[in-house]
Amino acid sequence: MTGRGCVVAGGGPGGVMLAYLLGRAGVPVTLLEARRDFDRDFRGDSLHPYTLELLDQLGLAVGLLALPHHKARYFRFHTPAGSLTTADYGRLRNAFNYVALMPQARFLDFLAARFAALPGCRLLLGAKVSDLVREGDRVVGVRYRDEHDTHELRAAVVVGSDGRFSKLRRLADLPARSLGATSDLLWFRLPQHETDPPDADVDLFFGRDHYVGLLAGPQGWQVGYSLPKGGYPAARAAGVAPIREFVDRHVPWLADRTHLLTDFAQTTLLSVDISRVDTWWRPGLLLIGDAAHVISPVGGNGILMAVQDAVAAANHLAPALLGSGVSDAVLQAVQDEREPAIRSVQAQQVQIEQRAAHARHTGRPVAPPALLKVITAIPGMRARAAKANAYGPFPPRLNSLR
């Protein structure tokens, strides 16, 4: 017997946003998160103008932005040939003309608390999905384990938003197809000083074989050091000295604190992936976010894509759940709406990965194309680039769910 409402498995940005939007529309929702909290380090921290405008539409932006965050205005490249600003969010003509850099855990804590306060909505932490419940070929619920027992939970639809290593994707036999990432990233933190460049926000510093990405934030600088795919064992064997030397050479104003990086235990490896499943659904089951398509950290738009998946899914699922039910056509409609945007973003990211791999293979500096300097000098291009990154391709609008 099919249950009512929706089960959302996975408490990342897409899952929590979808759960909130459905709950706000009057749909009974249970949100399952395998961990006991949302506190993970070095996850995406970028809240783009689209996301901030959505939260404002929901009446949540003021409360969220009362939490510590950094307003990033610029996206810059620094190369051996000089520096260039590729995007200036300050030129956007709206109230949120910046990218808010906030620890993802704080964003999720904030939104999950608002979700849990809605009537008919439950947040279950430490709830690990172990299996799908099926009737024939239709998914009608999940089995999950907590610290006490195994439970069965039935619903009219199950949404898998459980990330790049999605358990629901494996259980539903929806394999992801790799599109060819060639890099990995080592993340670590360094403190911010008052003497740091005041306009440093989101910056990439390019050198031979590697680049360094900097993200400002309330917890100091997040520093990402690029590695060739599979290069972690060699980097670990070499120790942190080559990383410190690269940062000292290419980001000299950080040289007074790189000595604080003393051990590889202070770093976190992010294995970069670009992949997606061909079909995002099975009868009674929908995948969104990284469960359906893994986005590279390049451009910092993983959260944006997941949030937009949630908006599109809520637009289609809420009326179906409150009406005649979730048909296969409803699930396909979500994929049909979102897949063009995902394909566009991933195609750009694959090009960047291929360019970096070619540079390493030929011994050239890992750097953006020279033509970019000419393009960004054209009047209005920095504003256009900011708008493109702020909203992504084909951004969905939230229907009036309630």
Protein backbone atom coordinates (compact mmCIF):
# COMPACT_ATOMS: atom_id res chain seq x y z
CA MET A 1 0.00 0.00 0.00
CA THR A 2 1.45 3.36 -1.05
CA GLY A 3 1.88 5.98 1.66
CA ARG A 4 1.15 9.67 1.64
CA GLY A 5 3.43 12.59 1.14
CA CYS A 6 7.13 12.53 0.36
CA VAL A 7 10.31 11.06 1.79
CA VAL A 8 13.45 13.05 1.02
CA ALA A 9 16.64 11.08 1.65
CA GLY A 10 19.70 13.29 2.05
CA GLY A 11 20.10 16.57 3.89
CA GLY A 12 22.21 18.55 1.45
CA PRO A 13 21.14 21.91 0.00
CA GLY A 14 18.85 20.37 -2.63
CA GLY A 15 17.19 17.94 -0.24
CA VAL A 16 16.59 20.43 2.56
CA MET A 17 15.32 23.07 0.15
CA LEU A 18 12.93 20.63 -1.54
CA ALA A 19 11.67 19.37 1.82
CA TYR A 20 11.02 22.94 2.94
CA LEU A 21 9.24 23.94 -0.28
CA LEU A 22 6.99 20.86 -0.24
CA GLY A 23 6.25 21.25 3.47
CA ARG A 24 5.43 24.91 2.94
CA ALA A 25 2.95 23.85 0.25
CA GLY A 26 1.15 21.58 2.72
CA VAL A 27 2.70 18.24 1.71
CA PRO A 28 3.62 15.88 4.58
CA VAL A 29 7.40 15.38 4.31
CA THR A 30 9.95 13.28 6.18
CA LEU A 31 13.58 14.32 5.66
CA LEU A 32 16.15 11.61 6.40
CA GLU A 33 19.79 12.54 6.99
CA ALA A 34 22.32 9.77 7.60
CA ARG A 35 24.60 11.90 9.79
CA ARG A 36 23.74 13.18 13.25
CA ASP A 37 24.33 16.79 12.15
CA PHE A 38 25.10 18.85 9.06
CA ASP A 39 28.62 19.78 10.12
CA ARG A 40 30.99 18.79 7.29
CA ASP A 41 34.09 20.74 6.41
CA PHE A 42 35.08 21.96 2.95
CA ARG A 43 31.73 21.59 1.27
CA GLY A 44 30.35 24.20 -1.10
CA ASP A 45 29.81 27.47 0.77
CA SER A 46 28.58 29.70 -2.08
CA LEU A 47 25.05 31.10 -1.98
CA HIS A 48 24.46 32.78 -5.33
CA PRO A 49 22.10 35.72 -5.95
CA TYR A 50 19.48 33.32 -7.31
CA THR A 51 19.47 31.42 -4.01
CA LEU A 52 19.37 34.62 -1.96
CA GLU A 53 16.46 35.96 -4.02
CA LEU A 54 14.60 32.67 -3.55
CA LEU A 55 15.14 32.85 0.21
CA ASP A 56 13.93 36.44 0.18
CA GLN A 57 10.79 35.35 -1.69
CA LEU A 58 10.26 32.78 1.08
CA GLY A 59 10.79 35.39 3.81
CA LEU A 60 14.01 33.74 4.99
CA ALA A 61 16.82 35.90 3.62
CA VAL A 62 16.95 38.41 6.47
CA GLY A 63 17.27 35.70 9.11
CA LEU A 64 19.88 33.75 7.16
CA LEU A 65 22.02 36.78 6.38
CA ALA A 66 22.06 37.72 10.05
CA LEU A 67 24.48 34.78 10.38
CA PRO A 68 28.21 35.41 9.78
CA HIS A 69 29.06 35.44 6.06
CA HIS A 70 31.27 37.16 3.54
CA LYS A 71 29.88 39.13 0.60
CA ALA A 72 32.00 38.22 -2.42
CA ARG A 73 31.82 40.79 -5.22
CA TYR A 74 34.55 39.64 -7.60
CA PHE A 75 35.75 36.50 -9.32
CA ARG A 76 39.37 36.90 -10.40
CA PHE A 77 42.09 34.99 -12.22
CA HIS A 78 45.76 35.63 -11.44
CA THR A 79 48.20 34.31 -14.02
CA PRO A 80 51.93 34.72 -14.73
CA ALA A 81 50.91 37.29 -17.35
CA GLY A 82 48.82 39.36 -14.91
CA SER A 83 45.46 39.49 -13.15
CA LEU A 84 41.99 39.91 -14.55
CA THR A 85 38.51 40.22 -13.12
CA THR A 86 36.13 37.90 -14.94
CA ALA A 87 32.94 38.71 -13.02
CA ASP A 88 31.78 41.68 -10.97
CA TYR A 89 28.61 40.86 -9.04
CA GLY A 90 28.42 44.42 -7.78
CA ARG A 91 27.17 45.40 -11.23
CA LEU A 92 24.04 43.27 -10.89
CA ARG A 93 20.96 45.43 -10.56
CA ASN A 94 19.28 43.74 -7.62
CA ALA A 95 19.39 43.70 -3.83
CA PHE A 96 21.70 40.68 -3.72
CA ASN A 97 24.58 41.78 -5.92
CA TYR A 98 27.12 39.43 -4.35
CA VAL A 99 27.76 35.79 -3.59
CA ALA A 100 27.29 35.05 0.13
CA LEU A 101 30.11 32.80 1.37
CA MET A 102 28.79 31.00 4.44
CA PRO A 103 29.70 27.59 5.92
CA GLN A 104 27.24 25.17 4.38
CA ALA A 105 26.49 23.65 7.77
CA ARG A 106 25.10 26.99 9.02
CA PHE A 107 22.88 27.34 5.94
CA LEU A 108 21.57 23.78 6.36
CA ASP A 109 21.02 24.19 10.10
CA PHE A 110 19.02 27.35 9.44
CA LEU A 111 16.84 25.90 6.68
CA ALA A 112 16.33 22.52 8.35
CA ALA A 113 15.06 24.23 11.51
CA ARG A 114 12.49 26.14 9.46
CA PHE A 115 11.46 22.93 7.73
CA ALA A 116 11.06 20.99 10.98
CA ALA A 117 8.76 23.72 12.34
CA LEU A 118 6.25 23.22 9.51
CA PRO A 119 3.09 21.17 10.22
CA GLY A 120 3.35 17.57 9.05
CA CYS A 121 7.14 17.74 8.58
CA ARG A 122 9.75 15.59 10.33
CA LEU A 123 13.54 15.79 10.32
CA LEU A 124 15.22 12.50 11.28
CA LEU A 125 18.97 12.72 11.86
CA GLY A 126 21.12 9.60 12.04
CA ALA A 127 18.65 7.83 9.73
CA LYS A 128 20.52 5.75 7.14
CA VAL A 129 18.55 4.38 4.20
CA SER A 130 19.26 0.67 3.78
CA ASP A 131 16.79 -0.33 1.07
CA LEU A 132 13.92 0.75 -1.14
CA VAL A 133 10.41 -0.59 -0.58
CA ARG A 134 8.82 -1.68 -3.83
CA GLU A 135 5.46 -2.88 -5.06
CA GLY A 136 6.08 -4.38 -8.46
CA ASP A 137 8.31 -1.97 -10.34
CA ARG A 138 7.24 1.07 -8.27
CA VAL A 139 9.15 2.49 -5.30
CA VAL A 140 6.69 3.06 -2.47
CA GLY A 141 9.05 3.90 0.39
CA VAL A 142 12.36 3.22 2.11
CA ARG A 143 13.81 1.19 4.91
CA TYR A 144 16.20 3.04 7.17
CA ARG A 145 18.27 2.32 10.25
CA ASP A 146 18.76 4.52 13.26
CA GLU A 147 20.55 3.87 16.54
CA HIS A 148 17.63 1.79 17.79
CA ASP A 149 16.21 -0.32 14.96
CA THR A 150 15.29 -0.68 11.30
CA HIS A 151 12.13 1.08 10.16
CA GLU A 152 9.96 1.09 7.06
CA LEU A 153 8.57 4.38 5.82
CA ARG A 154 6.10 4.54 2.94
CA ALA A 155 5.37 7.57 0.78
CA ALA A 156 3.77 8.58 -2.49
CA VAL A 157 7.22 9.54 -3.79
CA VAL A 158 10.81 9.15 -2.60
CA VAL A 159 13.42 11.75 -3.53
CA GLY A 160 17.10 10.83 -3.43
CA SER A 161 19.23 13.87 -2.66
CA ASP A 162 22.00 11.95 -0.92
CA GLY A 163 24.98 13.27 -2.81
CA ARG A 164 27.62 12.09 -5.23
CA PHE A 165 27.90 8.66 -3.59
CA SER A 166 24.12 8.24 -3.52
CA LYS A 167 22.89 5.05 -1.88
CA LEU A 168 19.45 5.52 -3.45
CA ARG A 169 21.01 5.78 -6.89
CA ARG A 170 22.72 2.42 -6.38
CA LEU A 171 19.60 0.80 -4.94
CA ALA A 172 17.57 2.01 -7.93
CA ASP A 173 20.22 0.77 -10.40
CA LEU A 174 20.70 4.19 -11.98
CA PRO A 175 24.44 4.29 -12.69
CA ALA A 176 26.21 7.61 -13.14
CA ARG A 177 28.32 8.12 -16.26
CA SER A 178 31.64 9.94 -15.80
CA LEU A 179 32.28 12.81 -18.19
CA GLY A 180 36.01 13.07 -17.60
CA ALA A 181 37.30 15.03 -14.60
CA THR A 182 41.10 15.34 -14.69
CA SER A 183 41.81 17.13 -11.39
CA ASP A 184 41.45 16.77 -7.64
CA LEU A 185 41.64 19.43 -4.93
CA LEU A 186 43.32 19.53 -1.54
CA TRP A 187 41.53 21.93 0.82
CA PHE A 188 42.93 23.52 3.95
CA ARG A 189 42.40 26.71 5.96
CA LEU A 190 44.60 29.69 6.66
CA PRO A 191 43.69 32.65 8.89
CA GLN A 192 42.68 36.02 7.51
CA HIS A 193 44.57 39.19 8.49
CA GLU A 194 43.40 42.78 8.40
CA THR A 195 46.17 43.56 5.92
CA ASP A 196 44.88 41.06 3.33
CA PRO A 197 43.71 42.59 0.04
CA PRO A 198 40.25 44.02 0.76
CA ASP A 199 38.87 43.00 -2.64
CA ALA A 200 40.03 39.38 -2.46
CA ASP A 201 36.88 37.27 -2.61
CA VAL A 202 36.97 34.29 -4.94
CA ASP A 203 40.39 34.15 -6.60
CA LEU A 204 42.29 31.59 -8.66
CA PHE A 205 46.10 31.75 -8.84
CA PHE A 206 47.65 29.79 -11.70
CA GLY A 207 51.13 28.32 -11.97
CA ARG A 208 52.89 25.44 -13.65
CA ASP A 209 51.15 22.09 -12.99
CA HIS A 210 48.85 23.53 -10.30
CA TYR A 211 46.52 26.33 -9.37
CA VAL A 212 45.32 27.59 -6.01
CA GLY A 213 41.76 28.70 -5.31
CA LEU A 214 40.92 31.08 -2.45
CA LEU A 215 37.51 31.54 -0.87
CA ALA A 216 36.99 34.22 1.77
CA GLY A 217 34.67 33.52 4.67
CA PRO A 218 33.93 34.01 8.36
CA GLN A 219 36.23 31.10 9.28
CA GLY A 220 39.26 32.41 7.37
CA TRP A 221 40.58 31.53 3.94
CA GLN A 222 39.63 28.27 2.35
CA VAL A 223 42.54 27.30 0.15
CA GLY A 224 42.19 24.70 -2.60
CA TYR A 225 45.39 23.29 -4.17
CA SER A 226 44.88 21.44 -7.44
CA LEU A 227 46.29 18.00 -8.16
CA PRO A 228 46.16 15.87 -11.30
CA LYS A 229 43.49 13.19 -10.98
CA GLY A 230 44.92 10.37 -8.88
CA GLY A 231 47.85 12.51 -7.75
CA TYR A 232 47.07 12.37 -4.04
CA PRO A 233 49.49 9.53 -3.07
CA ALA A 234 52.42 11.33 -4.70
CA ALA A 235 51.46 14.64 -3.10
CA ARG A 236 51.14 13.01 0.30
CA ALA A 237 54.56 11.37 -0.09
CA ALA A 238 56.08 14.75 -0.94
CA GLY A 239 54.51 16.38 2.13
CA VAL A 240 53.18 19.89 2.58
CA ALA A 241 56.40 21.73 1.74
CA PRO A 242 55.70 21.90 -2.05
CA ILE A 243 52.19 23.22 -1.33
CA ARG A 244 53.55 25.94 0.96
CA GLU A 245 56.18 26.87 -1.62
CA PHE A 246 53.56 27.14 -4.40
CA VAL A 247 51.31 29.35 -2.28
CA ASP A 248 54.24 31.52 -1.17
CA ARG A 249 55.27 32.05 -4.80
CA HIS A 250 51.86 32.70 -6.32
CA VAL A 251 49.97 34.26 -3.38
CA PRO A 252 52.80 36.13 -1.64
CA TRP A 253 50.55 37.96 0.81
CA LEU A 254 49.73 34.56 2.38
CA ALA A 255 53.41 33.68 2.85
CA ASP A 256 53.43 35.00 6.42
CA ARG A 257 51.11 32.18 7.54
CA THR A 258 51.72 29.17 5.30
CA HIS A 259 54.04 27.82 8.01
CA LEU A 260 50.82 26.96 9.87
CA LEU A 261 50.26 24.15 7.36
CA THR A 262 52.52 21.52 8.91
CA ASP A 263 50.91 18.17 8.17
CA PHE A 264 48.76 16.47 5.54
CA ALA A 265 46.24 15.74 8.30
CA GLN A 266 45.28 19.43 8.02
CA THR A 267 44.13 18.90 4.43
CA THR A 268 40.96 17.38 3.00
CA LEU A 269 40.94 15.69 -0.39
CA LEU A 270 38.06 16.52 -2.72
CA SER A 271 38.03 14.06 -5.59
CA VAL A 272 36.64 16.17 -8.43
CA ASP A 273 33.96 14.48 -10.46
CA ILE A 274 31.71 15.45 -13.36
CA SER A 275 29.07 12.83 -14.01
CA ARG A 276 25.33 12.30 -14.41
CA VAL A 277 22.78 9.55 -14.72
CA ASP A 278 20.92 9.14 -17.99
CA THR A 279 17.54 8.74 -16.28
CA TRP A 280 16.87 10.61 -13.03
CA TRP A 281 13.90 8.54 -11.92
CA ARG A 282 12.20 5.23 -11.44
CA PRO A 283 8.44 4.95 -10.84
CA GLY A 284 7.94 6.49 -7.39
CA LEU A 285 11.57 7.70 -7.11
CA LEU A 286 13.35 10.89 -8.22
CA LEU A 287 17.03 11.85 -7.97
CA ILE A 288 18.14 15.48 -7.68
CA GLY A 289 21.38 17.35 -7.00
CA ASP A 290 24.64 15.41 -6.94
CA ALA A 291 22.69 12.15 -6.74
CA ALA A 292 21.59 12.81 -10.33
CA HIS A 293 24.52 14.87 -11.61
CA VAL A 294 27.85 15.65 -9.96
CA ILE A 295 29.04 19.20 -10.55
CA SER A 296 32.72 20.16 -10.39
CA PRO A 297 33.63 22.82 -7.79
CA VAL A 298 34.78 25.04 -10.67
CA GLY A 299 32.51 28.09 -10.63
CA GLY A 300 31.18 27.26 -7.18
CA ASN A 301 27.71 26.49 -8.52
CA GLY A 302 27.03 23.04 -7.05
CA ILE A 303 24.66 24.48 -4.44
CA LEU A 304 23.00 26.64 -7.08
CA MET A 305 22.26 23.66 -9.32
CA ALA A 306 20.92 21.61 -6.40
CA VAL A 307 18.67 24.45 -5.20
CA GLN A 308 17.33 24.95 -8.72
CA ASP A 309 16.64 21.20 -8.96
CA ALA A 310 14.65 21.55 -5.74
CA VAL A 311 12.62 24.47 -7.12
CA ALA A 312 11.78 22.61 -10.33
CA ALA A 313 10.95 19.43 -8.42
CA ALA A 314 8.70 21.31 -5.97
CA ASN A 315 6.86 23.02 -8.84
CA HIS A 316 5.99 19.62 -10.34
CA LEU A 317 5.67 17.44 -7.23
CA ALA A 318 3.62 19.67 -4.93
CA PRO A 319 0.48 19.85 -7.11
CA ALA A 320 0.79 16.15 -7.96
CA LEU A 321 1.14 15.14 -4.30
CA LEU A 322 -1.80 17.33 -3.33
CA GLY A 323 -3.82 16.09 -6.29
CA SER A 324 -4.06 12.87 -8.25
CA GLY A 325 -0.59 11.50 -7.48
CA VAL A 326 2.93 11.41 -8.86
CA SER A 327 2.93 9.78 -12.27
CA ASP A 328 6.00 8.83 -14.29
CA ALA A 329 5.24 11.82 -16.51
CA VAL A 330 5.64 14.17 -13.53
CA LEU A 331 9.06 12.71 -12.71
CA GLN A 332 10.17 12.91 -16.33
CA ALA A 333 9.02 16.51 -16.45
CA VAL A 334 11.48 17.42 -13.68
CA GLN A 335 14.35 15.90 -15.63
CA ASP A 336 13.20 17.49 -18.88
CA GLU A 337 13.20 20.92 -17.25
CA ARG A 338 16.54 20.66 -15.49
CA GLU A 339 18.70 18.52 -17.74
CA PRO A 340 19.49 21.22 -20.34
CA ALA A 341 20.97 23.46 -17.62
CA ILE A 342 23.00 20.63 -16.15
CA ARG A 343 24.33 19.60 -19.56
CA SER A 344 25.35 23.20 -20.26
CA VAL A 345 27.18 23.65 -16.96
CA GLN A 346 28.91 20.28 -17.17
CA ALA A 347 30.01 20.86 -20.77
CA GLN A 348 31.77 24.06 -19.69
CA GLN A 349 33.40 22.25 -16.79
CA VAL A 350 34.61 19.40 -19.00
CA GLN A 351 36.26 21.96 -21.29
CA ILE A 352 38.08 23.50 -18.31
CA GLU A 353 39.23 20.07 -17.15
CA GLN A 354 40.50 19.17 -20.62
CA ARG A 355 42.37 22.47 -20.86
CA ALA A 356 44.06 21.85 -17.50
CA ALA A 357 45.01 18.30 -18.49
CA HIS A 358 46.49 19.54 -21.79
CA ALA A 359 48.52 22.18 -19.98
CA ARG A 360 49.98 19.62 -17.58
CA HIS A 361 50.74 17.24 -20.46
CA THR A 362 52.58 19.93 -22.47
CA GLY A 363 54.37 21.46 -19.48
CA ARG A 364 52.60 24.80 -19.79
CA PRO A 365 51.14 26.77 -16.89
CA VAL A 366 47.63 25.74 -15.91
CA ALA A 367 45.85 28.96 -16.88
CA PRO A 368 42.72 30.34 -18.55
CA PRO A 369 42.86 31.07 -22.30
CA ALA A 370 44.59 34.31 -23.33
CA LEU A 371 41.44 35.39 -25.17
CA LEU A 372 39.69 35.76 -21.80
CA LYS A 373 41.66 38.93 -21.08
CA VAL A 374 40.34 40.51 -24.27
CA ILE A 375 36.77 39.39 -23.62
CA THR A 376 36.65 40.65 -20.03
CA ALA A 377 37.91 44.06 -21.17
CA ILE A 378 34.79 44.56 -23.30
CA PRO A 379 32.38 46.95 -21.51
CA GLY A 380 29.61 45.10 -19.75
CA MET A 381 31.19 41.64 -20.03
CA ARG A 382 32.04 41.41 -16.32
CA ALA A 383 28.43 42.17 -15.46
CA ARG A 384 27.20 39.61 -18.01
CA ALA A 385 29.57 36.97 -16.65
CA ALA A 386 28.39 37.73 -13.11
CA LYS A 387 24.75 37.39 -14.16
CA ALA A 388 25.43 34.11 -15.96
CA ASN A 389 27.12 32.66 -12.86
CA ALA A 390 24.61 34.21 -10.45
CA TYR A 391 21.61 32.49 -12.05
CA GLY A 392 22.98 29.69 -14.19
CA PRO A 393 21.39 28.63 -17.48
CA PHE A 394 17.58 28.32 -17.61
CA PRO A 395 16.90 29.20 -13.95
CA PRO A 396 13.48 27.98 -12.77
CA ARG A 397 11.01 30.27 -11.08
CA LEU A 398 9.21 29.11 -7.98
CA ASN A 399 5.49 28.71 -8.57
CA SER A 400 3.10 30.07 -5.95
CA LEU A 401 2.95 26.86 -3.92
CA ARG A 402 1.15 28.58 -1.09
